[in-house]
Amino acid sequence: MLAELVELVIGVDTHTDTHTAAVLAADTHAVLATVTVSADEDGYADLVALADAHGGLRGWAIEGTGGYGAGPARHLDQLGELIVELDRPVRPHAGPARNPTRSTPNVPPATRSPAPSWRSPRPGRNGPACRSCSPHAGPQSPRPATPNASCARW
């Protein structure tokens, strides 16, 4: 688990125009700071500045690195940050379930909400979000030895 490897976890909730981040102490789970930044290079720099202000070995947990999170994931990868991707939460459909009746089909519990899983950042439209997490990473992209120097392979 990421919290066992680092002192700080920075969780990033990604959206089209903005990203919201929270800095958490890995040992106590206390929220140390939160910020909402623009979804551009200036915003990504603000995320790094926020993390730098708290010091310590850190890891980034980013939602949707194959979509809205591809920009911050690429920016952080270029800086050698430790990155893991979080699955997007499963949201219920707004259909008949709002007002269930006898005609509403039963949904087996196993399909309601799958357990969260960790995985390496997915490639976006312009290639892998993180070079070292690419399944095609070969000898030309060696993994640095320091924990913050590359993405995590999960």
C-alpha atoms as a PDB file:
ATOM      1  CA  MET A   1       0.000   0.000   0.000  1.00  0.00           C
ATOM      2  CA  LEU A   2       1.222   3.476  -0.874  1.00  0.00           C
ATOM      3  CA  ALA A   3       0.865   4.800   2.694  1.00  0.00           C
ATOM      4  CA  GLU A   4       3.405   2.211   3.887  1.00  0.00           C
ATOM      5  CA  LEU A   5       6.042   3.500   1.455  1.00  0.00           C
ATOM      6  CA  VAL A   6       5.857   7.257   2.004  1.00  0.00           C
ATOM      7  CA  GLU A   7       5.375   9.950   4.656  1.00  0.00           C
ATOM      8  CA  LEU A   8       2.863  12.001   2.644  1.00  0.00           C
ATOM      9  CA  VAL A   9       0.136  10.928   0.233  1.00  0.00           C
ATOM     10  CA  ILE A  10      -1.201  13.561  -2.131  1.00  0.00           C
ATOM     11  CA  GLY A  11      -4.565  12.502  -3.516  1.00  0.00           C
ATOM     12  CA  VAL A  12      -5.734  14.245  -6.677  1.00  0.00           C
ATOM     13  CA  ASP A  13      -9.367  14.293  -7.829  1.00  0.00           C
ATOM     14  CA  THR A  14      -9.295  15.235 -11.509  1.00  0.00           C
ATOM     15  CA  HIS A  15     -11.874  17.141 -13.546  1.00  0.00           C
ATOM     16  CA  THR A  16     -12.029  18.895 -16.916  1.00  0.00           C
ATOM     17  CA  ASP A  17     -11.096  22.413 -15.807  1.00  0.00           C
ATOM     18  CA  THR A  18      -9.764  21.965 -12.260  1.00  0.00           C
ATOM     19  CA  HIS A  19      -8.062  19.394 -10.065  1.00  0.00           C
ATOM     20  CA  THR A  20      -8.505  19.170  -6.298  1.00  0.00           C
ATOM     21  CA  ALA A  21      -5.678  17.787  -4.172  1.00  0.00           C
ATOM     22  CA  ALA A  22      -5.367  16.863  -0.518  1.00  0.00           C
ATOM     23  CA  VAL A  23      -2.086  16.305   1.322  1.00  0.00           C
ATOM     24  CA  LEU A  24      -2.392  13.587   3.971  1.00  0.00           C
ATOM     25  CA  ALA A  25       0.048  12.363   6.593  1.00  0.00           C
ATOM     26  CA  ALA A  26       0.502   8.686   5.739  1.00  0.00           C
ATOM     27  CA  ASP A  27       0.856   7.527   9.349  1.00  0.00           C
ATOM     28  CA  THR A  28      -2.106   9.401  10.897  1.00  0.00           C
ATOM     29  CA  HIS A  29      -4.286   9.957   7.792  1.00  0.00           C
ATOM     30  CA  ALA A  30      -4.658  13.591   8.889  1.00  0.00           C
ATOM     31  CA  VAL A  31      -5.452  16.074   6.125  1.00  0.00           C
ATOM     32  CA  LEU A  32      -2.657  18.654   6.179  1.00  0.00           C
ATOM     33  CA  ALA A  33      -3.838  20.836   3.291  1.00  0.00           C
ATOM     34  CA  THR A  34      -6.217  20.972   0.349  1.00  0.00           C
ATOM     35  CA  VAL A  35      -6.145  23.020  -2.831  1.00  0.00           C
ATOM     36  CA  THR A  36      -8.045  23.347  -6.096  1.00  0.00           C
ATOM     37  CA  VAL A  37      -5.906  24.290  -9.091  1.00  0.00           C
ATOM     38  CA  SER A  38      -6.477  24.892 -12.782  1.00  0.00           C
ATOM     39  CA  ALA A  39      -6.000  21.932 -15.129  1.00  0.00           C
ATOM     40  CA  ASP A  40      -2.952  23.370 -16.887  1.00  0.00           C
ATOM     41  CA  GLU A  41       0.817  23.628 -16.418  1.00  0.00           C
ATOM     42  CA  ASP A  42       0.463  26.465 -13.891  1.00  0.00           C
ATOM     43  CA  GLY A  43      -1.954  24.368 -11.845  1.00  0.00           C
ATOM     44  CA  TYR A  44       0.380  21.360 -11.943  1.00  0.00           C
ATOM     45  CA  ALA A  45       3.216  23.584 -10.687  1.00  0.00           C
ATOM     46  CA  ASP A  46       0.934  24.728  -7.846  1.00  0.00           C
ATOM     47  CA  LEU A  47       0.355  21.074  -6.894  1.00  0.00           C
ATOM     48  CA  VAL A  48       4.100  20.484  -6.680  1.00  0.00           C
ATOM     49  CA  ALA A  49       4.583  23.693  -4.661  1.00  0.00           C
ATOM     50  CA  LEU A  50       1.933  22.516  -2.197  1.00  0.00           C
ATOM     51  CA  ALA A  51       3.683  19.165  -1.793  1.00  0.00           C
ATOM     52  CA  ASP A  52       7.098  20.843  -1.465  1.00  0.00           C
ATOM     53  CA  ALA A  53       5.759  23.041   1.343  1.00  0.00           C
ATOM     54  CA  HIS A  54       5.094  19.933   3.445  1.00  0.00           C
ATOM     55  CA  GLY A  55       8.382  18.102   2.784  1.00  0.00           C
ATOM     56  CA  GLY A  56       8.996  14.418   3.362  1.00  0.00           C
ATOM     57  CA  LEU A  57       8.940  11.376   1.102  1.00  0.00           C
ATOM     58  CA  ARG A  58       5.715  11.568  -0.890  1.00  0.00           C
ATOM     59  CA  GLY A  59       3.554   9.630  -3.277  1.00  0.00           C
ATOM     60  CA  TRP A  60       0.774  10.822  -5.559  1.00  0.00           C
ATOM     61  CA  ALA A  61      -2.549   8.985  -5.882  1.00  0.00           C
ATOM     62  CA  ILE A  62      -4.221  10.336  -9.021  1.00  0.00           C
ATOM     63  CA  GLU A  63      -7.686   9.515 -10.283  1.00  0.00           C
ATOM     64  CA  GLY A  64      -8.002   8.657 -13.978  1.00  0.00           C
ATOM     65  CA  THR A  65      -4.484   9.011 -15.394  1.00  0.00           C
ATOM     66  CA  GLY A  66      -5.791   7.851 -18.771  1.00  0.00           C
ATOM     67  CA  GLY A  67      -8.292  10.727 -18.849  1.00  0.00           C
ATOM     68  CA  TYR A  68      -8.392  14.041 -16.993  1.00  0.00           C
ATOM     69  CA  GLY A  69      -5.468  12.948 -14.799  1.00  0.00           C
ATOM     70  CA  ALA A  70      -3.089  12.389 -17.729  1.00  0.00           C
ATOM     71  CA  GLY A  71      -1.789  15.979 -17.607  1.00  0.00           C
ATOM     72  CA  PRO A  72      -0.776  16.036 -13.950  1.00  0.00           C
ATOM     73  CA  ALA A  73       0.543  12.463 -14.207  1.00  0.00           C
ATOM     74  CA  ARG A  74       2.840  13.392 -17.098  1.00  0.00           C
ATOM     75  CA  HIS A  75       3.992  16.569 -15.334  1.00  0.00           C
ATOM     76  CA  LEU A  76       4.796  14.695 -12.114  1.00  0.00           C
ATOM     77  CA  ASP A  77       6.454  11.838 -14.028  1.00  0.00           C
ATOM     78  CA  GLN A  78       8.815  14.324 -15.682  1.00  0.00           C
ATOM     79  CA  LEU A  79       9.801  15.452 -12.182  1.00  0.00           C
ATOM     80  CA  GLY A  80      10.448  11.851 -11.081  1.00  0.00           C
ATOM     81  CA  GLU A  81       7.551  11.663  -8.611  1.00  0.00           C
ATOM     82  CA  LEU A  82       6.063   8.403  -7.298  1.00  0.00           C
ATOM     83  CA  ILE A  83       2.597   7.995  -8.877  1.00  0.00           C
ATOM     84  CA  VAL A  84      -0.190   5.428  -8.579  1.00  0.00           C
ATOM     85  CA  GLU A  85      -3.562   5.529 -10.281  1.00  0.00           C
ATOM     86  CA  LEU A  86      -6.813   5.256  -8.392  1.00  0.00           C
ATOM     87  CA  ASP A  87      -9.924   3.787  -9.997  1.00  0.00           C
ATOM     88  CA  ARG A  88     -12.787   6.141 -10.575  1.00  0.00           C
ATOM     89  CA  PRO A  89     -15.565   5.528  -8.050  1.00  0.00           C
ATOM     90  CA  VAL A  90     -18.535   3.469  -9.163  1.00  0.00           C
ATOM     91  CA  ARG A  91     -21.563   5.728  -9.276  1.00  0.00           C
ATOM     92  CA  PRO A  92     -25.123   4.403  -9.350  1.00  0.00           C
ATOM     93  CA  HIS A  93     -27.216   4.899 -12.463  1.00  0.00           C
ATOM     94  CA  ALA A  94     -30.051   7.394 -12.124  1.00  0.00           C
ATOM     95  CA  GLY A  95     -32.635   5.052 -13.681  1.00  0.00           C
ATOM     96  CA  PRO A  96     -35.365   3.039 -11.955  1.00  0.00           C
ATOM     97  CA  ALA A  97     -33.276   2.539  -8.803  1.00  0.00           C
ATOM     98  CA  ARG A  98     -34.372   5.975  -7.537  1.00  0.00           C
ATOM     99  CA  ASN A  99     -37.906   4.700  -7.132  1.00  0.00           C
ATOM    100  CA  PRO A 100     -37.628   0.912  -6.966  1.00  0.00           C
ATOM    101  CA  THR A 101     -40.731  -1.089  -7.794  1.00  0.00           C
ATOM    102  CA  ARG A 102     -41.476  -4.730  -8.394  1.00  0.00           C
ATOM    103  CA  SER A 103     -40.437  -4.242 -12.011  1.00  0.00           C
ATOM    104  CA  THR A 104     -36.933  -3.130 -11.009  1.00  0.00           C
ATOM    105  CA  PRO A 105     -34.560  -6.020 -11.632  1.00  0.00           C
ATOM    106  CA  ASN A 106     -32.494  -7.199  -8.693  1.00  0.00           C
ATOM    107  CA  VAL A 107     -28.787  -6.580  -9.002  1.00  0.00           C
ATOM    108  CA  PRO A 108     -26.536  -9.219  -7.444  1.00  0.00           C
ATOM    109  CA  PRO A 109     -24.393  -7.777  -4.613  1.00  0.00           C
ATOM    110  CA  ALA A 110     -21.176  -8.754  -6.386  1.00  0.00           C
ATOM    111  CA  THR A 111     -21.922  -6.307  -9.217  1.00  0.00           C
ATOM    112  CA  ARG A 112     -22.989  -3.321  -7.090  1.00  0.00           C
ATOM    113  CA  SER A 113     -19.623  -1.940  -6.084  1.00  0.00           C
ATOM    114  CA  PRO A 114     -16.387  -3.706  -6.932  1.00  0.00           C
ATOM    115  CA  ALA A 115     -13.540  -3.541  -4.445  1.00  0.00           C
ATOM    116  CA  PRO A 116     -11.080  -0.723  -5.129  1.00  0.00           C
ATOM    117  CA  SER A 117      -7.933  -1.769  -6.931  1.00  0.00           C
ATOM    118  CA  TRP A 118      -4.505  -0.251  -7.469  1.00  0.00           C
ATOM    119  CA  ARG A 119      -2.909  -0.242 -10.870  1.00  0.00           C
ATOM    120  CA  SER A 120      -0.248   1.583 -12.782  1.00  0.00           C
ATOM    121  CA  PRO A 121      -1.254   4.734 -14.621  1.00  0.00           C
ATOM    122  CA  ARG A 122      -3.006   3.989 -17.930  1.00  0.00           C
ATOM    123  CA  PRO A 123      -1.928   5.417 -21.247  1.00  0.00           C
ATOM    124  CA  GLY A 124      -3.844   8.428 -22.462  1.00  0.00           C
ATOM    125  CA  ARG A 125      -4.491   9.575 -26.013  1.00  0.00           C
ATOM    126  CA  ASN A 126      -0.907  10.790 -26.389  1.00  0.00           C
ATOM    127  CA  GLY A 127       0.818   7.670 -25.055  1.00  0.00           C
ATOM    128  CA  PRO A 128       1.602   6.431 -21.552  1.00  0.00           C
ATOM    129  CA  ALA A 129       0.959   8.857 -18.723  1.00  0.00           C
ATOM    130  CA  CYS A 130       4.192   7.655 -17.120  1.00  0.00           C
ATOM    131  CA  ARG A 131       7.096   6.274 -19.141  1.00  0.00           C
ATOM    132  CA  SER A 132       8.286   3.841 -16.499  1.00  0.00           C
ATOM    133  CA  CYS A 133       4.788   2.385 -15.993  1.00  0.00           C
ATOM    134  CA  SER A 134       4.345   1.593 -19.659  1.00  0.00           C
ATOM    135  CA  PRO A 135       4.081  -2.160 -20.296  1.00  0.00           C
ATOM    136  CA  HIS A 136       6.429  -1.543 -23.243  1.00  0.00           C
ATOM    137  CA  ALA A 137       9.136   0.120 -21.151  1.00  0.00           C
ATOM    138  CA  GLY A 138      12.368  -1.599 -22.030  1.00  0.00           C
ATOM    139  CA  PRO A 139      16.096  -1.106 -21.572  1.00  0.00           C
ATOM    140  CA  GLN A 140      15.892   2.377 -23.063  1.00  0.00           C
ATOM    141  CA  SER A 141      13.834   3.533 -20.043  1.00  0.00           C
ATOM    142  CA  PRO A 142      15.546   2.145 -16.938  1.00  0.00           C
ATOM    143  CA  ARG A 143      13.829   2.519 -13.581  1.00  0.00           C
ATOM    144  CA  PRO A 144      15.821   4.748 -11.194  1.00  0.00           C
ATOM    145  CA  ALA A 145      16.690   3.300  -7.808  1.00  0.00           C
ATOM    146  CA  THR A 146      15.199   6.009  -5.608  1.00  0.00           C
ATOM    147  CA  PRO A 147      11.525   5.679  -4.607  1.00  0.00           C
ATOM    148  CA  ASN A 148      10.525   9.215  -5.678  1.00  0.00           C
ATOM    149  CA  ALA A 149      12.425   8.954  -8.947  1.00  0.00           C
ATOM    150  CA  SER A 150       9.829   6.964 -10.868  1.00  0.00           C
ATOM    151  CA  CYS A 151       6.272   5.701 -10.910  1.00  0.00           C
ATOM    152  CA  ALA A 152       5.311   2.701  -8.829  1.00  0.00           C
ATOM    153  CA  ARG A 153       4.649  -0.615 -10.552  1.00  0.00           C
ATOM    154  CA  TRP A 154       1.731  -2.313  -8.838  1.00  0.00           C
END
